PDB file of all heavy atoms in Angstrom:
ATOM      1  N   VAL A   1     -19.614  12.029  -2.013  1.00  0.00           N
ATOM      2  CA  VAL A   1     -18.979  11.598  -0.760  1.00  0.00           C
ATOM      3  C   VAL A   1     -18.145  10.344  -0.999  1.00  0.00           C
ATOM      4  O   VAL A   1     -17.046  10.204  -0.446  1.00  0.00           O
ATOM      5  CB  VAL A   1     -20.039  11.352   0.332  1.00  0.00           C
ATOM      6  CG1 VAL A   1     -19.366  10.963   1.644  1.00  0.00           C
ATOM      7  CG2 VAL A   1     -20.883  12.600   0.539  1.00  0.00           C
ATOM      8  N   ILE A   2     -18.632   9.430  -1.820  1.00  0.00           N
ATOM      9  CA  ILE A   2     -17.865   8.223  -2.128  1.00  0.00           C
ATOM     10  C   ILE A   2     -16.545   8.586  -2.807  1.00  0.00           C
ATOM     11  O   ILE A   2     -15.488   8.027  -2.485  1.00  0.00           O
ATOM     12  CB  ILE A   2     -18.694   7.264  -3.014  1.00  0.00           C
ATOM     13  CG1 ILE A   2     -19.860   6.676  -2.212  1.00  0.00           C
ATOM     14  CG2 ILE A   2     -17.816   6.134  -3.562  1.00  0.00           C
ATOM     15  CD1 ILE A   2     -20.823   5.842  -3.031  1.00  0.00           C
ATOM     16  N   ILE A   3     -16.594   9.541  -3.725  1.00  0.00           N
ATOM     17  CA  ILE A   3     -15.365   9.991  -4.396  1.00  0.00           C
ATOM     18  C   ILE A   3     -14.413  10.626  -3.389  1.00  0.00           C
ATOM     19  O   ILE A   3     -13.190  10.412  -3.435  1.00  0.00           O
ATOM     20  CB  ILE A   3     -15.698  10.975  -5.537  1.00  0.00           C
ATOM     21  CG1 ILE A   3     -16.499  10.261  -6.627  1.00  0.00           C
ATOM     22  CG2 ILE A   3     -14.425  11.578  -6.127  1.00  0.00           C
ATOM     23  CD1 ILE A   3     -17.099  11.201  -7.665  1.00  0.00           C
ATOM     24  N   THR A   4     -14.960  11.407  -2.457  1.00  0.00           N
ATOM     25  CA  THR A   4     -14.131  12.028  -1.417  1.00  0.00           C
ATOM     26  C   THR A   4     -13.465  10.971  -0.552  1.00  0.00           C
ATOM     27  O   THR A   4     -12.259  11.040  -0.270  1.00  0.00           O
ATOM     28  CB  THR A   4     -14.985  12.962  -0.537  1.00  0.00           C
ATOM     29  OG1 THR A   4     -15.620  13.941  -1.360  1.00  0.00           O
ATOM     30  CG2 THR A   4     -14.126  13.662   0.500  1.00  0.00           C
ATOM     31  N   VAL A   5     -14.246   9.986  -0.121  1.00  0.00           N
ATOM     32  CA  VAL A   5     -13.691   8.886   0.683  1.00  0.00           C
ATOM     33  C   VAL A   5     -12.615   8.146  -0.116  1.00  0.00           C
ATOM     34  O   VAL A   5     -11.552   7.785   0.418  1.00  0.00           O
ATOM     35  CB  VAL A   5     -14.811   7.922   1.112  1.00  0.00           C
ATOM     36  CG1 VAL A   5     -14.226   6.647   1.723  1.00  0.00           C
ATOM     37  CG2 VAL A   5     -15.750   8.605   2.104  1.00  0.00           C
ATOM     38  N   PHE A   6     -12.890   7.923  -1.387  1.00  0.00           N
ATOM     39  CA  PHE A   6     -11.926   7.269  -2.277  1.00  0.00           C
ATOM     40  C   PHE A   6     -10.588   8.012  -2.256  1.00  0.00           C
ATOM     41  O   PHE A   6      -9.517   7.406  -2.091  1.00  0.00           O
ATOM     42  CB  PHE A   6     -12.507   7.221  -3.688  1.00  0.00           C
ATOM     43  CG  PHE A   6     -11.513   6.907  -4.775  1.00  0.00           C
ATOM     44  CD1 PHE A   6     -11.170   5.597  -5.057  1.00  0.00           C
ATOM     45  CD2 PHE A   6     -10.916   7.922  -5.510  1.00  0.00           C
ATOM     46  CE1 PHE A   6     -10.247   5.303  -6.055  1.00  0.00           C
ATOM     47  CE2 PHE A   6     -10.001   7.642  -6.504  1.00  0.00           C
ATOM     48  CZ  PHE A   6      -9.656   6.322  -6.780  1.00  0.00           C
ATOM     49  N   LEU A   7     -10.632   9.326  -2.411  1.00  0.00           N
ATOM     50  CA  LEU A   7      -9.402  10.118  -2.466  1.00  0.00           C
ATOM     51  C   LEU A   7      -8.652  10.088  -1.137  1.00  0.00           C
ATOM     52  O   LEU A   7      -7.412   9.961  -1.122  1.00  0.00           O
ATOM     53  CB  LEU A   7      -9.731  11.563  -2.866  1.00  0.00           C
ATOM     54  CG  LEU A   7     -10.230  11.755  -4.303  1.00  0.00           C
ATOM     55  CD1 LEU A   7     -10.690  13.190  -4.522  1.00  0.00           C
ATOM     56  CD2 LEU A   7      -9.147  11.390  -5.309  1.00  0.00           C
ATOM     57  N   TYR A   8      -9.390  10.194  -0.027  1.00  0.00           N
ATOM     58  CA  TYR A   8      -8.730  10.177   1.282  1.00  0.00           C
ATOM     59  C   TYR A   8      -8.188   8.797   1.638  1.00  0.00           C
ATOM     60  O   TYR A   8      -7.285   8.679   2.477  1.00  0.00           O
ATOM     61  CB  TYR A   8      -9.698  10.641   2.371  1.00  0.00           C
ATOM     62  CG  TYR A   8      -9.819  12.142   2.477  1.00  0.00           C
ATOM     63  CD1 TYR A   8     -10.995  12.791   2.129  1.00  0.00           C
ATOM     64  CD2 TYR A   8      -8.752  12.915   2.915  1.00  0.00           C
ATOM     65  CE1 TYR A   8     -11.114  14.169   2.208  1.00  0.00           C
ATOM     66  CE2 TYR A   8      -8.856  14.291   2.999  1.00  0.00           C
ATOM     67  CZ  TYR A   8     -10.035  14.918   2.647  1.00  0.00           C
ATOM     68  OH  TYR A   8     -10.148  16.288   2.719  1.00  0.00           O
ATOM     69  N   SER A   9      -8.722   7.752   1.025  1.00  0.00           N
ATOM     70  CA  SER A   9      -8.281   6.387   1.342  1.00  0.00           C
ATOM     71  C   SER A   9      -7.037   5.983   0.562  1.00  0.00           C
ATOM     72  O   SER A   9      -6.394   4.981   0.908  1.00  0.00           O
ATOM     73  CB  SER A   9      -9.409   5.387   1.048  1.00  0.00           C
ATOM     74  OG  SER A   9     -10.551   5.672   1.823  1.00  0.00           O
ATOM     75  N   LEU A  10      -6.701   6.726  -0.475  1.00  0.00           N
ATOM     76  CA  LEU A  10      -5.566   6.337  -1.313  1.00  0.00           C
ATOM     77  C   LEU A  10      -4.252   6.308  -0.542  1.00  0.00           C
ATOM     78  O   LEU A  10      -3.474   5.358  -0.663  1.00  0.00           O
ATOM     79  CB  LEU A  10      -5.444   7.299  -2.503  1.00  0.00           C
ATOM     80  CG  LEU A  10      -6.521   7.188  -3.581  1.00  0.00           C
ATOM     81  CD1 LEU A  10      -6.327   8.288  -4.623  1.00  0.00           C
ATOM     82  CD2 LEU A  10      -6.502   5.825  -4.244  1.00  0.00           C
ATOM     83  N   LEU A  11      -3.999   7.353   0.264  1.00  0.00           N
ATOM     84  CA  LEU A  11      -2.700   7.473   0.933  1.00  0.00           C
ATOM     85  C   LEU A  11      -2.402   6.291   1.854  1.00  0.00           C
ATOM     86  O   LEU A  11      -1.352   5.649   1.696  1.00  0.00           O
ATOM     87  CB  LEU A  11      -2.601   8.794   1.693  1.00  0.00           C
ATOM     88  CG  LEU A  11      -1.293   8.985   2.479  1.00  0.00           C
ATOM     89  CD1 LEU A  11      -0.103   9.032   1.538  1.00  0.00           C
ATOM     90  CD2 LEU A  11      -1.350  10.259   3.318  1.00  0.00           C
ATOM     91  N   PRO A  12      -3.252   5.969   2.840  1.00  0.00           N
ATOM     92  CA  PRO A  12      -2.887   4.865   3.733  1.00  0.00           C
ATOM     93  C   PRO A  12      -2.756   3.526   3.019  1.00  0.00           C
ATOM     94  O   PRO A  12      -1.897   2.711   3.373  1.00  0.00           O
ATOM     95  CB  PRO A  12      -4.023   4.840   4.760  1.00  0.00           C
ATOM     96  CG  PRO A  12      -5.150   5.586   4.133  1.00  0.00           C
ATOM     97  CD  PRO A  12      -4.526   6.593   3.243  1.00  0.00           C
ATOM     98  N   ILE A  13      -3.570   3.299   1.990  1.00  0.00           N
ATOM     99  CA  ILE A  13      -3.509   2.008   1.297  1.00  0.00           C
ATOM    100  C   ILE A  13      -2.254   1.924   0.435  1.00  0.00           C
ATOM    101  O   ILE A  13      -1.553   0.899   0.429  1.00  0.00           O
ATOM    102  CB  ILE A  13      -4.784   1.766   0.469  1.00  0.00           C
ATOM    103  CG1 ILE A  13      -6.015   1.766   1.374  1.00  0.00           C
ATOM    104  CG2 ILE A  13      -4.693   0.433  -0.264  1.00  0.00           C
ATOM    105  CD1 ILE A  13      -7.338   1.667   0.641  1.00  0.00           C
ATOM    106  N   VAL A  14      -1.952   3.000  -0.310  1.00  0.00           N
ATOM    107  CA  VAL A  14      -0.741   3.010  -1.136  1.00  0.00           C
ATOM    108  C   VAL A  14       0.500   2.859  -0.268  1.00  0.00           C
ATOM    109  O   VAL A  14       1.389   2.039  -0.562  1.00  0.00           O
ATOM    110  CB  VAL A  14      -0.652   4.309  -1.973  1.00  0.00           C
ATOM    111  CG1 VAL A  14       0.736   4.474  -2.583  1.00  0.00           C
ATOM    112  CG2 VAL A  14      -1.686   4.294  -3.085  1.00  0.00           C
ATOM    113  N   LYS A  15       0.592   3.641   0.804  1.00  0.00           N
ATOM    114  CA  LYS A  15       1.781   3.603   1.662  1.00  0.00           C
ATOM    115  C   LYS A  15       1.980   2.234   2.295  1.00  0.00           C
ATOM    116  O   LYS A  15       3.092   1.712   2.344  1.00  0.00           O
ATOM    117  CB  LYS A  15       1.685   4.682   2.748  1.00  0.00           C
ATOM    118  CG  LYS A  15       1.931   6.088   2.237  1.00  0.00           C
ATOM    119  CD  LYS A  15       1.859   7.116   3.356  1.00  0.00           C
ATOM    120  CE  LYS A  15       3.043   7.011   4.283  1.00  0.00           C
ATOM    121  NZ  LYS A  15       3.046   8.121   5.278  1.00  0.00           N
ATOM    122  N   ASN A  16       0.900   1.642   2.797  1.00  0.00           N
ATOM    123  CA  ASN A  16       1.039   0.352   3.454  1.00  0.00           C
ATOM    124  C   ASN A  16       1.336  -0.766   2.460  1.00  0.00           C
ATOM    125  O   ASN A  16       2.093  -1.699   2.772  1.00  0.00           O
ATOM    126  CB  ASN A  16      -0.230   0.027   4.254  1.00  0.00           C
ATOM    127  CG  ASN A  16      -0.251   0.718   5.598  1.00  0.00           C
ATOM    128  OD1 ASN A  16      -0.072   1.931   5.677  1.00  0.00           O
ATOM    129  ND2 ASN A  16      -0.447  -0.026   6.664  1.00  0.00           N
ATOM    130  N   THR A  17       0.729  -0.687   1.282  1.00  0.00           N
ATOM    131  CA  THR A  17       1.041  -1.688   0.252  1.00  0.00           C
ATOM    132  C   THR A  17       2.506  -1.592  -0.148  1.00  0.00           C
ATOM    133  O   THR A  17       3.207  -2.615  -0.246  1.00  0.00           O
ATOM    134  CB  THR A  17       0.145  -1.491  -0.978  1.00  0.00           C
ATOM    135  OG1 THR A  17      -1.226  -1.564  -0.596  1.00  0.00           O
ATOM    136  CG2 THR A  17       0.434  -2.566  -2.032  1.00  0.00           C
ATOM    137  N   TYR A  18       2.964  -0.374  -0.358  1.00  0.00           N
ATOM    138  CA  TYR A  18       4.375  -0.159  -0.709  1.00  0.00           C
ATOM    139  C   TYR A  18       5.300  -0.704   0.375  1.00  0.00           C
ATOM    140  O   TYR A  18       6.257  -1.441   0.087  1.00  0.00           O
ATOM    141  CB  TYR A  18       4.611   1.337  -0.916  1.00  0.00           C
ATOM    142  CG  TYR A  18       6.057   1.727  -1.098  1.00  0.00           C
ATOM    143  CD1 TYR A  18       6.732   1.469  -2.289  1.00  0.00           C
ATOM    144  CD2 TYR A  18       6.757   2.368  -0.065  1.00  0.00           C
ATOM    145  CE1 TYR A  18       8.057   1.839  -2.453  1.00  0.00           C
ATOM    146  CE2 TYR A  18       8.086   2.729  -0.225  1.00  0.00           C
ATOM    147  CZ  TYR A  18       8.729   2.465  -1.424  1.00  0.00           C
ATOM    148  OH  TYR A  18      10.046   2.813  -1.576  1.00  0.00           O
ATOM    149  N   ALA A  19       4.995  -0.362   1.633  1.00  0.00           N
ATOM    150  CA  ALA A  19       5.836  -0.824   2.740  1.00  0.00           C
ATOM    151  C   ALA A  19       5.798  -2.345   2.868  1.00  0.00           C
ATOM    152  O   ALA A  19       6.839  -2.982   3.090  1.00  0.00           O
ATOM    153  CB  ALA A  19       5.375  -0.179   4.045  1.00  0.00           C
ATOM    154  N   GLY A  20       4.606  -2.928   2.728  1.00  0.00           N
ATOM    155  CA  GLY A  20       4.488  -4.377   2.859  1.00  0.00           C
ATOM    156  C   GLY A  20       5.264  -5.120   1.794  1.00  0.00           C
ATOM    157  O   GLY A  20       5.960  -6.106   2.088  1.00  0.00           O
ATOM    158  N   VAL A  21       5.190  -4.656   0.557  1.00  0.00           N
ATOM    159  CA  VAL A  21       5.888  -5.327  -0.542  1.00  0.00           C
ATOM    160  C   VAL A  21       7.397  -5.127  -0.428  1.00  0.00           C
ATOM    161  O   VAL A  21       8.179  -6.068  -0.656  1.00  0.00           O
ATOM    162  CB  VAL A  21       5.370  -4.814  -1.901  1.00  0.00           C
ATOM    163  CG1 VAL A  21       6.173  -5.428  -3.050  1.00  0.00           C
ATOM    164  CG2 VAL A  21       3.894  -5.150  -2.069  1.00  0.00           C
ATOM    165  N   LYS A  22       7.827  -3.930  -0.068  1.00  0.00           N
ATOM    166  CA  LYS A  22       9.259  -3.658   0.051  1.00  0.00           C
ATOM    167  C   LYS A  22       9.910  -4.476   1.165  1.00  0.00           C
ATOM    168  O   LYS A  22      11.107  -4.777   1.092  1.00  0.00           O
ATOM    169  CB  LYS A  22       9.494  -2.164   0.325  1.00  0.00           C
ATOM    170  CG  LYS A  22       9.226  -1.258  -0.853  1.00  0.00           C
ATOM    171  CD  LYS A  22      10.204  -1.479  -1.995  1.00  0.00           C
ATOM    172  CE  LYS A  22      11.558  -0.899  -1.708  1.00  0.00           C
ATOM    173  NZ  LYS A  22      12.477  -1.026  -2.885  1.00  0.00           N
ATOM    174  N   ASN A  23       9.120  -4.837   2.177  1.00  0.00           N
ATOM    175  CA  ASN A  23       9.677  -5.570   3.317  1.00  0.00           C
ATOM    176  C   ASN A  23       9.635  -7.083   3.150  1.00  0.00           C
ATOM    177  O   ASN A  23      10.015  -7.816   4.062  1.00  0.00           O
ATOM    178  CB  ASN A  23       8.937  -5.183   4.606  1.00  0.00           C
ATOM    179  CG  ASN A  23       9.287  -3.780   5.066  1.00  0.00           C
ATOM    180  OD1 ASN A  23      10.407  -3.314   4.847  1.00  0.00           O
ATOM    181  ND2 ASN A  23       8.342  -3.093   5.680  1.00  0.00           N
ATOM    182  N   VAL A  24       9.149  -7.555   2.007  1.00  0.00           N
ATOM    183  CA  VAL A  24       9.176  -8.998   1.758  1.00  0.00           C
ATOM    184  C   VAL A  24      10.631  -9.457   1.666  1.00  0.00           C
ATOM    185  O   VAL A  24      11.461  -8.816   1.005  1.00  0.00           O
ATOM    186  CB  VAL A  24       8.419  -9.352   0.457  1.00  0.00           C
ATOM    187  CG1 VAL A  24       8.595 -10.825   0.101  1.00  0.00           C
ATOM    188  CG2 VAL A  24       6.936  -9.030   0.610  1.00  0.00           C
ATOM    189  N   ASP A  25      10.934 -10.554   2.330  1.00  0.00           N
ATOM    190  CA  ASP A  25      12.299 -11.086   2.359  1.00  0.00           C
ATOM    191  C   ASP A  25      12.763 -11.402   0.931  1.00  0.00           C
ATOM    192  O   ASP A  25      12.133 -12.187   0.222  1.00  0.00           O
ATOM    193  CB  ASP A  25      12.324 -12.350   3.219  1.00  0.00           C
ATOM    194  CG  ASP A  25      13.739 -12.815   3.530  1.00  0.00           C
ATOM    195  OD1 ASP A  25      14.676 -12.373   2.838  1.00  0.00           O
ATOM    196  OD2 ASP A  25      13.909 -13.633   4.453  1.00  0.00           O
ATOM    197  N   HIS A  26      13.894 -10.801   0.537  1.00  0.00           N
ATOM    198  CA  HIS A  26      14.410 -11.030  -0.818  1.00  0.00           C
ATOM    199  C   HIS A  26      14.836 -12.477  -1.020  1.00  0.00           C
ATOM    200  O   HIS A  26      14.851 -12.967  -2.168  1.00  0.00           O
ATOM    201  CB  HIS A  26      15.587 -10.093  -1.088  1.00  0.00           C
ATOM    202  CG  HIS A  26      15.181  -8.675  -1.295  1.00  0.00           C
ATOM    203  ND1 HIS A  26      14.561  -8.231  -2.447  1.00  0.00           N
ATOM    204  CD2 HIS A  26      15.272  -7.582  -0.482  1.00  0.00           C
ATOM    205  CE1 HIS A  26      14.315  -6.939  -2.354  1.00  0.00           C
ATOM    206  NE2 HIS A  26      14.725  -6.514  -1.170  1.00  0.00           N
ATOM    207  N   ALA A  27      15.162 -13.171   0.060  1.00  0.00           N
ATOM    208  CA  ALA A  27      15.532 -14.586  -0.078  1.00  0.00           C
ATOM    209  C   ALA A  27      14.360 -15.407  -0.597  1.00  0.00           C
ATOM    210  O   ALA A  27      14.542 -16.352  -1.379  1.00  0.00           O
ATOM    211  CB  ALA A  27      16.001 -15.136   1.270  1.00  0.00           C
ATOM    212  N   LEU A  28      13.141 -15.029  -0.176  1.00  0.00           N
ATOM    213  CA  LEU A  28      11.957 -15.732  -0.667  1.00  0.00           C
ATOM    214  C   LEU A  28      11.753 -15.467  -2.155  1.00  0.00           C
ATOM    215  O   LEU A  28      11.389 -16.383  -2.912  1.00  0.00           O
ATOM    216  CB  LEU A  28      10.723 -15.282   0.121  1.00  0.00           C
ATOM    217  CG  LEU A  28      10.688 -15.641   1.609  1.00  0.00           C
ATOM    218  CD1 LEU A  28       9.469 -15.008   2.269  1.00  0.00           C
ATOM    219  CD2 LEU A  28      10.645 -17.155   1.782  1.00  0.00           C
ATOM    220  N   LEU A  29      11.980 -14.226  -2.579  1.00  0.00           N
ATOM    221  CA  LEU A  29      11.842 -13.898  -3.992  1.00  0.00           C
ATOM    222  C   LEU A  29      12.896 -14.606  -4.833  1.00  0.00           C
ATOM    223  O   LEU A  29      12.597 -15.112  -5.926  1.00  0.00           O
ATOM    224  CB  LEU A  29      11.943 -12.380  -4.191  1.00  0.00           C
ATOM    225  CG  LEU A  29      10.870 -11.541  -3.496  1.00  0.00           C
ATOM    226  CD1 LEU A  29      11.151 -10.046  -3.695  1.00  0.00           C
ATOM    227  CD2 LEU A  29       9.486 -11.876  -4.024  1.00  0.00           C
ATOM    228  N   ASP A  30      14.111 -14.684  -4.303  1.00  0.00           N
ATOM    229  CA  ASP A  30      15.171 -15.392  -5.021  1.00  0.00           C
ATOM    230  C   ASP A  30      14.843 -16.874  -5.136  1.00  0.00           C
ATOM    231  O   ASP A  30      15.097 -17.503  -6.178  1.00  0.00           O
ATOM    232  CB  ASP A  30      16.512 -15.209  -4.308  1.00  0.00           C
ATOM    233  CG  ASP A  30      17.040 -13.782  -4.409  1.00  0.00           C
ATOM    234  OD1 ASP A  30      16.609 -13.061  -5.343  1.00  0.00           O
ATOM    235  OD2 ASP A  30      17.848 -13.379  -3.547  1.00  0.00           O
TER     236      ASP A  30
END
């Protein structure tokens, strides 16, 4: 069950991490 939960949790965490990082202001990175 832990492995199943692990697999189902990947999508929302990956997508939100990707979206959060992509939306960081490039001026701050510069």
